[in-house]
Amino acid sequence: MRKPQPLLGRRLKALRVSRGMSLKEVSTGTGLSTSFLSMIESGRHELTVGRLVTLLDFHGVDLGDVIPERDVERPVVLRSEERQVVASTDERVRIEPLATWHYGEMRTASMRLDAGAELAVTAAAAGPEFILVLAGEVQIEFADETSVVLREGDSVCFEASRRHRCMNTGEREAHVISFKNEQQSGSEG
């Protein structure tokens, strides 16, 4: 008896949610049922090669994008010079993912904000967001008009679905590490 492929399912789910798509949208685009797709993503069902190709074609990715050529038990090293920069509406903000693959739905990023730069998050999925300030000073301002100021070494954890923005309120570049749920949408980091 074959075993389910939970890692492949998690990666297919991460691909879908990173594009802001629902199971229904993928179902409509591929002809696969939403219940089948849900079972694949949760690792409760096997995926045939034909159906995998259908999903890869739909998302416009290659097999190596969901099944990397490496042993999942080995650590994955991402050298600083290999990091990809994510576009930001404020050119004074530099966002770089800290991993080339994701475990479940967790996303990590390094953010550098020039003095006065800000990053607004207009919508996000429910779940925790954790921010650690490595250098500089940032203020996180929430839609309910509450805010926190963080300096070097300070950290905060909050409900990511709260609309917020992160601003560098110091006089020098701020360097921040962020951990949050991959299902987030409408944000840059």
C-alpha atoms as a PDB file:
ATOM      1  CA  MET A   1       0.000   0.000   0.000  1.00  0.00           C
ATOM      2  CA  ARG A   2       1.375   3.424  -0.981  1.00  0.00           C
ATOM      3  CA  LYS A   3       1.784   6.148   1.604  1.00  0.00           C
ATOM      4  CA  PRO A   4       0.343   9.670   1.176  1.00  0.00           C
ATOM      5  CA  GLN A   5       2.714  12.431   0.132  1.00  0.00           C
ATOM      6  CA  PRO A   6       2.257  15.110   2.820  1.00  0.00           C
ATOM      7  CA  LEU A   7       5.297  17.209   1.809  1.00  0.00           C
ATOM      8  CA  LEU A   8       4.144  17.446  -1.822  1.00  0.00           C
ATOM      9  CA  GLY A   9       0.632  18.321  -0.623  1.00  0.00           C
ATOM     10  CA  ARG A  10       1.936  21.087   1.648  1.00  0.00           C
ATOM     11  CA  ARG A  11       3.981  22.525  -1.209  1.00  0.00           C
ATOM     12  CA  LEU A  12       1.030  22.460  -3.599  1.00  0.00           C
ATOM     13  CA  LYS A  13      -1.071  24.223  -0.968  1.00  0.00           C
ATOM     14  CA  ALA A  14       1.652  26.818  -0.368  1.00  0.00           C
ATOM     15  CA  LEU A  15       1.806  27.426  -4.129  1.00  0.00           C
ATOM     16  CA  ARG A  16      -1.970  27.880  -4.327  1.00  0.00           C
ATOM     17  CA  VAL A  17      -2.275  30.218  -1.343  1.00  0.00           C
ATOM     18  CA  SER A  18       0.789  32.247  -2.371  1.00  0.00           C
ATOM     19  CA  ARG A  19      -1.198  33.117  -5.486  1.00  0.00           C
ATOM     20  CA  GLY A  20      -4.306  33.980  -3.477  1.00  0.00           C
ATOM     21  CA  MET A  21      -6.370  31.188  -5.016  1.00  0.00           C
ATOM     22  CA  SER A  22      -9.147  29.145  -3.445  1.00  0.00           C
ATOM     23  CA  LEU A  23      -9.581  25.390  -3.857  1.00  0.00           C
ATOM     24  CA  LYS A  24     -12.657  26.146  -5.966  1.00  0.00           C
ATOM     25  CA  GLU A  25     -10.633  28.280  -8.382  1.00  0.00           C
ATOM     26  CA  VAL A  26      -8.036  25.524  -8.804  1.00  0.00           C
ATOM     27  CA  SER A  27     -10.833  22.978  -9.201  1.00  0.00           C
ATOM     28  CA  THR A  28     -12.470  25.038 -11.935  1.00  0.00           C
ATOM     29  CA  GLY A  29      -9.160  25.526 -13.739  1.00  0.00           C
ATOM     30  CA  THR A  30      -8.028  21.900 -13.576  1.00  0.00           C
ATOM     31  CA  GLY A  31     -11.204  19.827 -13.547  1.00  0.00           C
ATOM     32  CA  LEU A  32     -10.158  18.180 -10.263  1.00  0.00           C
ATOM     33  CA  SER A  33     -12.712  18.207  -7.456  1.00  0.00           C
ATOM     34  CA  THR A  34     -12.238  20.485  -4.457  1.00  0.00           C
ATOM     35  CA  SER A  35     -12.499  17.520  -2.078  1.00  0.00           C
ATOM     36  CA  PHE A  36      -9.760  15.656  -4.000  1.00  0.00           C
ATOM     37  CA  LEU A  37      -7.540  18.760  -3.989  1.00  0.00           C
ATOM     38  CA  SER A  38      -8.117  19.196  -0.253  1.00  0.00           C
ATOM     39  CA  MET A  39      -7.131  15.572   0.409  1.00  0.00           C
ATOM     40  CA  ILE A  40      -3.950  16.013  -1.689  1.00  0.00           C
ATOM     41  CA  GLU A  41      -2.992  19.213   0.130  1.00  0.00           C
ATOM     42  CA  SER A  42      -3.533  17.609   3.538  1.00  0.00           C
ATOM     43  CA  GLY A  43      -1.511  14.514   2.551  1.00  0.00           C
ATOM     44  CA  ARG A  44      -4.485  12.135   2.859  1.00  0.00           C
ATOM     45  CA  HIS A  45      -4.449  10.995  -0.790  1.00  0.00           C
ATOM     46  CA  GLU A  46      -1.885  10.023  -3.433  1.00  0.00           C
ATOM     47  CA  LEU A  47      -1.455  12.111  -6.549  1.00  0.00           C
ATOM     48  CA  THR A  48      -0.948  10.448  -9.925  1.00  0.00           C
ATOM     49  CA  VAL A  49       1.656  11.782 -12.355  1.00  0.00           C
ATOM     50  CA  GLY A  50      -1.080  12.887 -14.768  1.00  0.00           C
ATOM     51  CA  ARG A  51      -2.919  14.893 -12.128  1.00  0.00           C
ATOM     52  CA  LEU A  52       0.344  16.377 -10.871  1.00  0.00           C
ATOM     53  CA  VAL A  53       1.159  17.526 -14.425  1.00  0.00           C
ATOM     54  CA  THR A  54      -2.331  19.066 -14.655  1.00  0.00           C
ATOM     55  CA  LEU A  55      -1.700  21.051 -11.449  1.00  0.00           C
ATOM     56  CA  LEU A  56       1.804  22.092 -12.521  1.00  0.00           C
ATOM     57  CA  ASP A  57       0.502  23.278 -15.903  1.00  0.00           C
ATOM     58  CA  PHE A  58      -2.334  25.189 -14.245  1.00  0.00           C
ATOM     59  CA  HIS A  59       0.089  27.021 -11.922  1.00  0.00           C
ATOM     60  CA  GLY A  60       2.712  27.443 -14.644  1.00  0.00           C
ATOM     61  CA  VAL A  61       5.529  25.832 -12.660  1.00  0.00           C
ATOM     62  CA  ASP A  62       7.931  22.939 -13.158  1.00  0.00           C
ATOM     63  CA  LEU A  63       8.272  19.732 -11.179  1.00  0.00           C
ATOM     64  CA  GLY A  64      11.439  21.075  -9.504  1.00  0.00           C
ATOM     65  CA  ASP A  65       9.389  23.926  -8.036  1.00  0.00           C
ATOM     66  CA  VAL A  66       7.363  21.522  -5.880  1.00  0.00           C
ATOM     67  CA  ILE A  67       9.774  18.600  -5.625  1.00  0.00           C
ATOM     68  CA  PRO A  68      13.273  20.003  -5.161  1.00  0.00           C
ATOM     69  CA  GLU A  69      16.244  17.820  -6.001  1.00  0.00           C
ATOM     70  CA  ARG A  70      17.397  17.318  -2.440  1.00  0.00           C
ATOM     71  CA  ASP A  71      16.915  15.110   0.562  1.00  0.00           C
ATOM     72  CA  VAL A  72      14.225  16.654   2.799  1.00  0.00           C
ATOM     73  CA  GLU A  73      16.172  15.548   5.860  1.00  0.00           C
ATOM     74  CA  ARG A  74      19.139  17.758   4.926  1.00  0.00           C
ATOM     75  CA  PRO A  75      19.347  21.389   5.953  1.00  0.00           C
ATOM     76  CA  VAL A  76      18.729  23.901   3.172  1.00  0.00           C
ATOM     77  CA  VAL A  77      21.281  26.692   3.049  1.00  0.00           C
ATOM     78  CA  LEU A  78      20.430  29.939   1.283  1.00  0.00           C
ATOM     79  CA  ARG A  79      23.504  32.127   0.860  1.00  0.00           C
ATOM     80  CA  SER A  80      22.974  35.869   1.265  1.00  0.00           C
ATOM     81  CA  GLU A  81      24.057  36.544  -2.315  1.00  0.00           C
ATOM     82  CA  GLU A  82      21.448  34.048  -3.588  1.00  0.00           C
ATOM     83  CA  ARG A  83      18.433  35.724  -1.964  1.00  0.00           C
ATOM     84  CA  GLN A  84      15.776  37.111  -4.281  1.00  0.00           C
ATOM     85  CA  VAL A  85      14.475  40.615  -3.572  1.00  0.00           C
ATOM     86  CA  VAL A  86      10.678  40.960  -3.375  1.00  0.00           C
ATOM     87  CA  ALA A  87       9.198  44.094  -4.953  1.00  0.00           C
ATOM     88  CA  SER A  88       7.909  46.736  -2.550  1.00  0.00           C
ATOM     89  CA  THR A  89       5.739  49.810  -3.074  1.00  0.00           C
ATOM     90  CA  ASP A  90       8.296  51.818  -1.084  1.00  0.00           C
ATOM     91  CA  GLU A  91      11.671  51.617  -2.843  1.00  0.00           C
ATOM     92  CA  ARG A  92      13.316  52.303   0.520  1.00  0.00           C
ATOM     93  CA  VAL A  93      12.189  48.849   1.732  1.00  0.00           C
ATOM     94  CA  ARG A  94      14.159  45.748   0.750  1.00  0.00           C
ATOM     95  CA  ILE A  95      12.457  42.391   1.424  1.00  0.00           C
ATOM     96  CA  GLU A  96      14.288  39.078   0.986  1.00  0.00           C
ATOM     97  CA  PRO A  97      12.790  35.638   1.748  1.00  0.00           C
ATOM     98  CA  LEU A  98      15.070  33.675   4.064  1.00  0.00           C
ATOM     99  CA  ALA A  99      14.278  30.234   2.652  1.00  0.00           C
ATOM    100  CA  THR A 100      14.070  28.722  -0.812  1.00  0.00           C
ATOM    101  CA  TRP A 101      11.267  26.417   0.305  1.00  0.00           C
ATOM    102  CA  HIS A 102       8.581  26.610   2.936  1.00  0.00           C
ATOM    103  CA  TYR A 103       7.686  24.248   5.718  1.00  0.00           C
ATOM    104  CA  GLY A 104       3.921  24.149   5.909  1.00  0.00           C
ATOM    105  CA  GLU A 105       2.589  27.681   5.730  1.00  0.00           C
ATOM    106  CA  MET A 106       5.349  29.545   7.584  1.00  0.00           C
ATOM    107  CA  ARG A 107       7.169  32.292   5.693  1.00  0.00           C
ATOM    108  CA  THR A 108      10.311  34.070   6.843  1.00  0.00           C
ATOM    109  CA  ALA A 109      11.778  37.286   5.513  1.00  0.00           C
ATOM    110  CA  SER A 110      14.565  39.734   6.138  1.00  0.00           C
ATOM    111  CA  MET A 111      13.525  43.370   5.726  1.00  0.00           C
ATOM    112  CA  ARG A 112      15.755  46.411   5.550  1.00  0.00           C
ATOM    113  CA  LEU A 113      13.996  49.749   5.870  1.00  0.00           C
ATOM    114  CA  ASP A 114      15.785  53.018   5.178  1.00  0.00           C
ATOM    115  CA  ALA A 115      15.084  55.874   7.606  1.00  0.00           C
ATOM    116  CA  GLY A 116      11.484  57.045   7.065  1.00  0.00           C
ATOM    117  CA  ALA A 117      10.473  53.979   5.001  1.00  0.00           C
ATOM    118  CA  GLU A 118       7.221  52.165   5.701  1.00  0.00           C
ATOM    119  CA  LEU A 119       5.571  48.902   4.760  1.00  0.00           C
ATOM    120  CA  ALA A 120       1.760  48.715   4.954  1.00  0.00           C
ATOM    121  CA  VAL A 121      -0.097  45.414   5.350  1.00  0.00           C
ATOM    122  CA  THR A 122      -3.700  45.908   4.246  1.00  0.00           C
ATOM    123  CA  ALA A 123      -5.022  42.350   4.617  1.00  0.00           C
ATOM    124  CA  ALA A 124      -3.684  39.112   6.032  1.00  0.00           C
ATOM    125  CA  ALA A 125      -4.847  35.642   6.979  1.00  0.00           C
ATOM    126  CA  ALA A 126      -5.471  34.811  10.609  1.00  0.00           C
ATOM    127  CA  GLY A 127      -2.499  33.568  12.551  1.00  0.00           C
ATOM    128  CA  PRO A 128       0.522  34.872  14.390  1.00  0.00           C
ATOM    129  CA  GLU A 129       3.118  37.255  13.034  1.00  0.00           C
ATOM    130  CA  PHE A 130       6.439  37.591  14.815  1.00  0.00           C
ATOM    131  CA  ILE A 131       8.899  40.448  14.234  1.00  0.00           C
ATOM    132  CA  LEU A 132      12.426  40.757  15.637  1.00  0.00           C
ATOM    133  CA  VAL A 133      14.419  43.979  15.220  1.00  0.00           C
ATOM    134  CA  LEU A 134      18.098  43.225  14.641  1.00  0.00           C
ATOM    135  CA  ALA A 135      19.170  46.850  14.146  1.00  0.00           C
ATOM    136  CA  GLY A 136      17.573  50.279  14.220  1.00  0.00           C
ATOM    137  CA  GLU A 137      14.109  51.261  15.394  1.00  0.00           C
ATOM    138  CA  VAL A 138      10.667  50.500  13.956  1.00  0.00           C
ATOM    139  CA  GLN A 139       7.142  51.392  14.922  1.00  0.00           C
ATOM    140  CA  ILE A 140       4.278  49.036  14.171  1.00  0.00           C
ATOM    141  CA  GLU A 141       1.037  50.951  13.926  1.00  0.00           C
ATOM    142  CA  PHE A 142      -2.294  49.113  13.918  1.00  0.00           C
ATOM    143  CA  ALA A 143      -5.576  50.188  12.283  1.00  0.00           C
ATOM    144  CA  ASP A 144      -7.163  50.587  15.735  1.00  0.00           C
ATOM    145  CA  GLU A 145      -4.622  53.381  16.370  1.00  0.00           C
ATOM    146  CA  THR A 146      -2.509  51.387  18.823  1.00  0.00           C
ATOM    147  CA  SER A 147       1.204  51.074  18.153  1.00  0.00           C
ATOM    148  CA  VAL A 148       4.442  49.641  19.510  1.00  0.00           C
ATOM    149  CA  VAL A 149       7.988  50.950  19.117  1.00  0.00           C
ATOM    150  CA  LEU A 150      10.709  48.321  18.835  1.00  0.00           C
ATOM    151  CA  ARG A 151      14.442  48.896  19.131  1.00  0.00           C
ATOM    152  CA  GLU A 152      17.408  46.643  18.495  1.00  0.00           C
ATOM    153  CA  GLY A 153      16.809  43.259  20.139  1.00  0.00           C
ATOM    154  CA  ASP A 154      13.082  43.868  20.761  1.00  0.00           C
ATOM    155  CA  SER A 155      10.444  41.562  19.333  1.00  0.00           C
ATOM    156  CA  VAL A 156       6.659  41.426  19.075  1.00  0.00           C
ATOM    157  CA  CYS A 157       4.065  38.801  18.245  1.00  0.00           C
ATOM    158  CA  PHE A 158       0.533  39.765  17.212  1.00  0.00           C
ATOM    159  CA  GLU A 159      -2.496  38.582  15.253  1.00  0.00           C
ATOM    160  CA  ALA A 160      -1.486  39.073  11.603  1.00  0.00           C
ATOM    161  CA  SER A 161      -5.065  39.685  10.424  1.00  0.00           C
ATOM    162  CA  ARG A 162      -4.921  43.095  12.153  1.00  0.00           C
ATOM    163  CA  ARG A 163      -4.218  45.754   9.520  1.00  0.00           C
ATOM    164  CA  HIS A 164      -0.904  47.355  10.310  1.00  0.00           C
ATOM    165  CA  ARG A 165       2.120  49.099   8.955  1.00  0.00           C
ATOM    166  CA  CYS A 166       5.772  48.917   9.894  1.00  0.00           C
ATOM    167  CA  MET A 167       7.741  52.192   9.797  1.00  0.00           C
ATOM    168  CA  ASN A 168      11.381  52.966  10.380  1.00  0.00           C
ATOM    169  CA  THR A 169      11.175  55.806  12.905  1.00  0.00           C
ATOM    170  CA  GLY A 170      14.915  55.870  13.579  1.00  0.00           C
ATOM    171  CA  GLU A 171      17.685  57.857  11.945  1.00  0.00           C
ATOM    172  CA  ARG A 172      19.468  54.865  10.379  1.00  0.00           C
ATOM    173  CA  GLU A 173      18.553  51.745   8.436  1.00  0.00           C
ATOM    174  CA  ALA A 174      16.458  49.218  10.370  1.00  0.00           C
ATOM    175  CA  HIS A 175      16.923  45.480   9.880  1.00  0.00           C
ATOM    176  CA  VAL A 176      13.945  43.266  10.781  1.00  0.00           C
ATOM    177  CA  ILE A 177      13.270  39.518  10.645  1.00  0.00           C
ATOM    178  CA  SER A 178       9.643  38.470  10.155  1.00  0.00           C
ATOM    179  CA  PHE A 179       7.885  35.108  10.571  1.00  0.00           C
ATOM    180  CA  LYS A 180       4.253  34.727   9.511  1.00  0.00           C
ATOM    181  CA  ASN A 181       1.595  32.561   7.954  1.00  0.00           C
ATOM    182  CA  GLU A 182       2.100  31.865   4.218  1.00  0.00           C
ATOM    183  CA  GLN A 183      -1.632  32.322   3.490  1.00  0.00           C
ATOM    184  CA  GLN A 184      -1.354  36.070   3.909  1.00  0.00           C
ATOM    185  CA  SER A 185      -2.463  38.288   1.053  1.00  0.00           C
ATOM    186  CA  GLY A 186      -2.379  41.981   0.365  1.00  0.00           C
ATOM    187  CA  SER A 187       0.983  42.423   2.035  1.00  0.00           C
ATOM    188  CA  GLU A 188       4.492  42.766   0.804  1.00  0.00           C
ATOM    189  CA  GLY A 189       6.478  41.063   3.537  1.00  0.00           C
END
